[in-house]
Amino acid sequence: MRFNEFFEPKPPTPEQTRVKALQAQADRAKQAVKVEKAKQAMAKAQKPAALARQ
C-alpha cells in the first residue's frame, strides 16, 4: 500500500476558510452584477419598442 492511501487531508485553517468564503462571496457578487447588467440592457432594448406601440 502507498503512503498517500492513509493520508487524511488536514482541515483548512480559519484563515483558509475565510479566504475561501470571501472568494465565493466575490464570485456571487460578480454573477449578480452580470445578471443586473443583462436585465438593464433588456429593459433598455424593450423601451423603444414600447414607445413605438403607443
C-alpha atoms as a PDB file:
ATOM      1  CA  MET A   1       0.000   0.000   0.000  1.00  0.00           C
ATOM      2  CA  ARG A   2       1.071   3.521  -0.623  1.00  0.00           C
ATOM      3  CA  PHE A   3       1.571   6.175   1.971  1.00  0.00           C
ATOM      4  CA  ASN A   4      -0.965   8.544   0.413  1.00  0.00           C
ATOM      5  CA  GLU A   5      -3.705   5.936   0.770  1.00  0.00           C
ATOM      6  CA  PHE A   6      -3.536   6.501   4.515  1.00  0.00           C
ATOM      7  CA  PHE A   7      -3.142  10.255   4.241  1.00  0.00           C
ATOM      8  CA  GLU A   8      -6.063  12.235   5.642  1.00  0.00           C
ATOM      9  CA  PRO A   9      -6.174  15.838   4.422  1.00  0.00           C
ATOM     10  CA  LYS A  10      -5.928  18.371   7.205  1.00  0.00           C
ATOM     11  CA  PRO A  11      -8.954  20.553   7.814  1.00  0.00           C
ATOM     12  CA  PRO A  12      -8.495  24.080   6.490  1.00  0.00           C
ATOM     13  CA  THR A  13      -7.268  26.711   8.876  1.00  0.00           C
ATOM     14  CA  PRO A  14      -9.639  29.525   9.877  1.00  0.00           C
ATOM     15  CA  GLU A  15      -7.679  31.859   7.576  1.00  0.00           C
ATOM     16  CA  GLN A  16      -8.073  29.480   4.620  1.00  0.00           C
ATOM     17  CA  THR A  17     -11.769  29.114   5.364  1.00  0.00           C
ATOM     18  CA  ARG A  18     -12.177  32.893   5.466  1.00  0.00           C
ATOM     19  CA  VAL A  19     -10.338  33.360   2.153  1.00  0.00           C
ATOM     20  CA  LYS A  20     -12.435  30.671   0.512  1.00  0.00           C
ATOM     21  CA  ALA A  21     -15.648  32.250   1.833  1.00  0.00           C
ATOM     22  CA  LEU A  22     -14.604  35.693   0.600  1.00  0.00           C
ATOM     23  CA  GLN A  23     -13.765  34.290  -2.832  1.00  0.00           C
ATOM     24  CA  ALA A  24     -17.173  32.625  -3.008  1.00  0.00           C
ATOM     25  CA  GLN A  25     -18.837  35.882  -1.952  1.00  0.00           C
ATOM     26  CA  ALA A  26     -16.936  37.778  -4.644  1.00  0.00           C
ATOM     27  CA  ASP A  27     -17.990  35.232  -7.258  1.00  0.00           C
ATOM     28  CA  ARG A  28     -21.647  35.595  -6.224  1.00  0.00           C
ATOM     29  CA  ALA A  29     -21.354  39.392  -6.378  1.00  0.00           C
ATOM     30  CA  LYS A  30     -19.823  39.234  -9.870  1.00  0.00           C
ATOM     31  CA  GLN A  31     -22.661  36.991 -11.016  1.00  0.00           C
ATOM     32  CA  ALA A  32     -25.241  39.367  -9.507  1.00  0.00           C
ATOM     33  CA  VAL A  33     -23.674  42.314 -11.350  1.00  0.00           C
ATOM     34  CA  LYS A  34     -23.700  40.340 -14.595  1.00  0.00           C
ATOM     35  CA  VAL A  35     -27.389  39.466 -14.168  1.00  0.00           C
ATOM     36  CA  GLU A  36     -28.317  43.055 -13.275  1.00  0.00           C
ATOM     37  CA  LYS A  37     -26.497  44.423 -16.323  1.00  0.00           C
ATOM     38  CA  ALA A  38     -28.330  41.926 -18.517  1.00  0.00           C
ATOM     39  CA  LYS A  39     -31.691  42.964 -17.008  1.00  0.00           C
ATOM     40  CA  GLN A  40     -30.947  46.642 -17.580  1.00  0.00           C
ATOM     41  CA  ALA A  41     -29.816  46.002 -21.145  1.00  0.00           C
ATOM     42  CA  MET A  42     -33.013  44.037 -21.824  1.00  0.00           C
ATOM     43  CA  ALA A  43     -35.162  46.815 -20.324  1.00  0.00           C
ATOM     44  CA  LYS A  44     -33.317  49.438 -22.380  1.00  0.00           C
ATOM     45  CA  ALA A  45     -33.781  47.408 -25.570  1.00  0.00           C
ATOM     46  CA  GLN A  46     -37.517  46.984 -24.948  1.00  0.00           C
ATOM     47  CA  LYS A  47     -38.155  50.628 -24.084  1.00  0.00           C
ATOM     48  CA  PRO A  48     -38.151  51.947 -27.707  1.00  0.00           C
ATOM     49  CA  ALA A  49     -40.433  49.095 -28.776  1.00  0.00           C
ATOM     50  CA  ALA A  50     -42.923  50.015 -26.060  1.00  0.00           C
ATOM     51  CA  LEU A  51     -42.883  53.677 -27.112  1.00  0.00           C
ATOM     52  CA  ALA A  52     -43.419  52.763 -30.774  1.00  0.00           C
ATOM     53  CA  ARG A  53     -46.594  50.825 -29.941  1.00  0.00           C
ATOM     54  CA  GLN A  54     -48.262  53.842 -28.327  1.00  0.00           C
END
